[in-house]
């Protein structure tokens, strides 16, 4: 079963959503506006996830 993970981009502030497995506690996604990759972590709030930018590999 999948559920929605909603997160806010730390670079541009836009709200993003992605589908993740219901049992997942971590995920990665890319902002639809500025294309910054983020590591997502489940938050105690039901839908909202915490986002941290992921550095680009050189």
N, C-alpha and C. Protein backbone atom coordinates (compact mmCIF):
# COMPACT_ATOMS: atom_id res chain seq x y z
N UNK A 1 0.84 -1.18 0.00
CA UNK A 1 0.00 0.00 0.00
C UNK A 1 0.89 1.24 0.00
N UNK A 2 0.50 2.23 -0.75
CA UNK A 2 1.24 3.49 -0.85
C UNK A 2 0.52 4.60 -0.11
N UNK A 3 1.31 5.58 0.36
CA UNK A 3 0.72 6.75 0.98
C UNK A 3 1.47 7.99 0.49
N UNK A 4 0.88 9.14 0.69
CA UNK A 4 1.47 10.40 0.24
C UNK A 4 2.43 10.95 1.28
N UNK A 5 3.61 11.33 0.83
CA UNK A 5 4.57 12.03 1.68
C UNK A 5 4.64 13.46 1.16
N UNK A 6 4.19 14.40 1.96
CA UNK A 6 4.22 15.82 1.58
C UNK A 6 5.40 16.47 2.28
N UNK A 7 6.17 17.26 1.54
CA UNK A 7 7.35 17.91 2.11
C UNK A 7 7.55 19.27 1.46
N UNK A 8 8.28 20.13 2.19
CA UNK A 8 8.55 21.49 1.71
C UNK A 8 10.02 21.61 1.35
N UNK A 9 10.29 22.11 0.15
CA UNK A 9 11.65 22.27 -0.33
C UNK A 9 12.38 23.30 0.53
N UNK A 10 13.59 22.95 0.97
CA UNK A 10 14.37 23.86 1.80
C UNK A 10 15.04 24.96 0.98
N UNK A 11 15.06 24.80 -0.33
CA UNK A 11 15.69 25.81 -1.19
C UNK A 11 14.71 26.87 -1.66
N UNK A 12 13.57 26.43 -2.21
CA UNK A 12 12.64 27.40 -2.79
C UNK A 12 11.32 27.52 -2.02
N UNK A 13 11.06 26.61 -1.07
CA UNK A 13 9.86 26.70 -0.24
C UNK A 13 8.60 26.11 -0.85
N UNK A 14 8.70 25.49 -2.02
CA UNK A 14 7.49 24.92 -2.63
C UNK A 14 7.11 23.61 -1.95
N UNK A 15 5.81 23.33 -1.96
CA UNK A 15 5.30 22.09 -1.38
C UNK A 15 5.36 21.00 -2.45
N UNK A 16 5.86 19.85 -2.06
CA UNK A 16 6.00 18.71 -2.97
C UNK A 16 5.31 17.50 -2.37
N UNK A 17 4.93 16.57 -3.21
CA UNK A 17 4.32 15.32 -2.77
C UNK A 17 4.88 14.17 -3.58
N UNK A 18 5.04 13.03 -2.90
CA UNK A 18 5.48 11.82 -3.58
C UNK A 18 4.80 10.64 -2.91
N UNK A 19 4.66 9.55 -3.64
CA UNK A 19 4.10 8.33 -3.06
C UNK A 19 5.22 7.47 -2.52
N UNK A 20 5.02 6.94 -1.31
CA UNK A 20 5.99 6.08 -0.67
C UNK A 20 5.26 4.87 -0.09
N UNK A 21 5.97 3.75 0.10
CA UNK A 21 5.33 2.61 0.76
C UNK A 21 4.88 3.00 2.18
N UNK A 22 3.76 2.47 2.63
CA UNK A 22 3.21 2.83 3.94
C UNK A 22 4.17 2.50 5.08
N UNK A 23 5.07 1.56 4.88
CA UNK A 23 6.01 1.16 5.93
C UNK A 23 7.32 1.94 5.89
N UNK A 24 7.51 2.80 4.89
CA UNK A 24 8.77 3.53 4.74
C UNK A 24 8.92 4.60 5.82
N UNK A 25 10.15 4.79 6.28
CA UNK A 25 10.44 5.87 7.23
C UNK A 25 11.38 6.89 6.61
N UNK A 26 11.98 6.53 5.45
CA UNK A 26 12.88 7.42 4.72
C UNK A 26 12.62 7.29 3.23
N UNK A 27 12.92 8.35 2.50
CA UNK A 27 12.77 8.34 1.04
C UNK A 27 13.61 9.47 0.48
N UNK A 28 13.72 9.53 -0.83
CA UNK A 28 14.36 10.66 -1.51
C UNK A 28 13.44 11.13 -2.62
N UNK A 29 13.50 12.41 -2.90
CA UNK A 29 12.67 12.98 -3.97
C UNK A 29 13.34 14.26 -4.46
N UNK A 30 12.87 14.73 -5.60
CA UNK A 30 13.39 15.95 -6.21
C UNK A 30 12.28 16.98 -6.27
N UNK A 31 12.60 18.22 -5.92
CA UNK A 31 11.62 19.31 -5.97
C UNK A 31 11.15 19.51 -7.40
N UNK A 32 9.84 19.65 -7.59
CA UNK A 32 9.30 19.84 -8.93
C UNK A 32 9.57 21.24 -9.46
N UNK A 33 9.90 22.19 -8.59
CA UNK A 33 10.14 23.57 -9.00
C UNK A 33 11.61 23.85 -9.29
N UNK A 34 12.50 23.57 -8.32
CA UNK A 34 13.91 23.93 -8.48
C UNK A 34 14.82 22.71 -8.70
N UNK A 35 14.26 21.52 -8.65
CA UNK A 35 14.96 20.26 -8.94
C UNK A 35 16.07 19.89 -7.95
N UNK A 36 16.00 20.46 -6.74
CA UNK A 36 16.96 20.09 -5.69
C UNK A 36 16.53 18.75 -5.10
N UNK A 37 17.48 17.81 -4.99
CA UNK A 37 17.18 16.50 -4.39
C UNK A 37 17.16 16.64 -2.87
N UNK A 38 16.23 15.92 -2.22
CA UNK A 38 16.09 15.96 -0.77
C UNK A 38 15.98 14.54 -0.22
N UNK A 39 16.55 14.35 0.97
CA UNK A 39 16.34 13.13 1.73
C UNK A 39 15.14 13.41 2.63
N UNK A 40 14.16 12.53 2.60
CA UNK A 40 12.93 12.73 3.37
C UNK A 40 12.90 11.78 4.55
N UNK A 41 12.36 12.27 5.64
CA UNK A 41 12.26 11.48 6.86
C UNK A 41 10.86 11.67 7.45
N UNK A 42 10.23 10.57 7.86
CA UNK A 42 8.87 10.64 8.39
C UNK A 42 8.82 11.57 9.60
N UNK A 43 7.76 12.35 9.69
CA UNK A 43 7.53 13.28 10.78
C UNK A 43 6.35 12.75 11.61
N UNK A 44 6.24 13.12 12.88
CA UNK A 44 5.11 12.67 13.68
C UNK A 44 3.75 13.08 13.11
N UNK A 45 3.72 14.17 12.35
CA UNK A 45 2.45 14.58 11.72
C UNK A 45 2.10 13.56 10.63
N UNK A 46 0.85 13.28 10.43
CA UNK A 46 0.44 12.17 9.55
C UNK A 46 0.97 12.19 8.12
N UNK A 47 0.97 13.32 7.45
CA UNK A 47 1.35 13.35 6.04
C UNK A 47 2.69 14.03 5.82
N UNK A 48 2.97 15.09 6.57
CA UNK A 48 4.16 15.92 6.34
C UNK A 48 5.44 15.17 6.70
N UNK A 49 6.46 15.29 5.86
CA UNK A 49 7.77 14.69 6.09
C UNK A 49 8.80 15.78 6.21
N UNK A 50 9.89 15.54 6.96
CA UNK A 50 11.01 16.48 7.08
C UNK A 50 11.91 16.28 5.86
N UNK A 51 12.44 17.37 5.32
CA UNK A 51 13.29 17.31 4.13
C UNK A 51 14.64 17.95 4.41
N UNK A 52 15.69 17.29 3.93
CA UNK A 52 17.05 17.83 4.02
C UNK A 52 17.67 17.73 2.63
N UNK A 53 18.29 18.80 2.15
CA UNK A 53 18.89 18.74 0.81
C UNK A 53 20.01 17.72 0.76
N UNK A 54 20.15 17.08 -0.38
CA UNK A 54 21.19 16.08 -0.60
C UNK A 54 22.22 16.70 -1.54
N UNK A 55 23.50 16.64 -1.16
CA UNK A 55 24.56 17.19 -2.00
C UNK A 55 24.71 16.40 -3.29
N UNK A 56 25.18 17.07 -4.32
CA UNK A 56 25.38 16.41 -5.61
C UNK A 56 26.74 15.72 -5.63
N UNK A 57 26.78 14.55 -6.23
CA UNK A 57 28.04 13.82 -6.35
C UNK A 57 28.94 14.50 -7.37
N UNK A 58 30.22 14.59 -7.07
CA UNK A 58 31.16 15.26 -7.99
C UNK A 58 31.64 14.30 -9.05
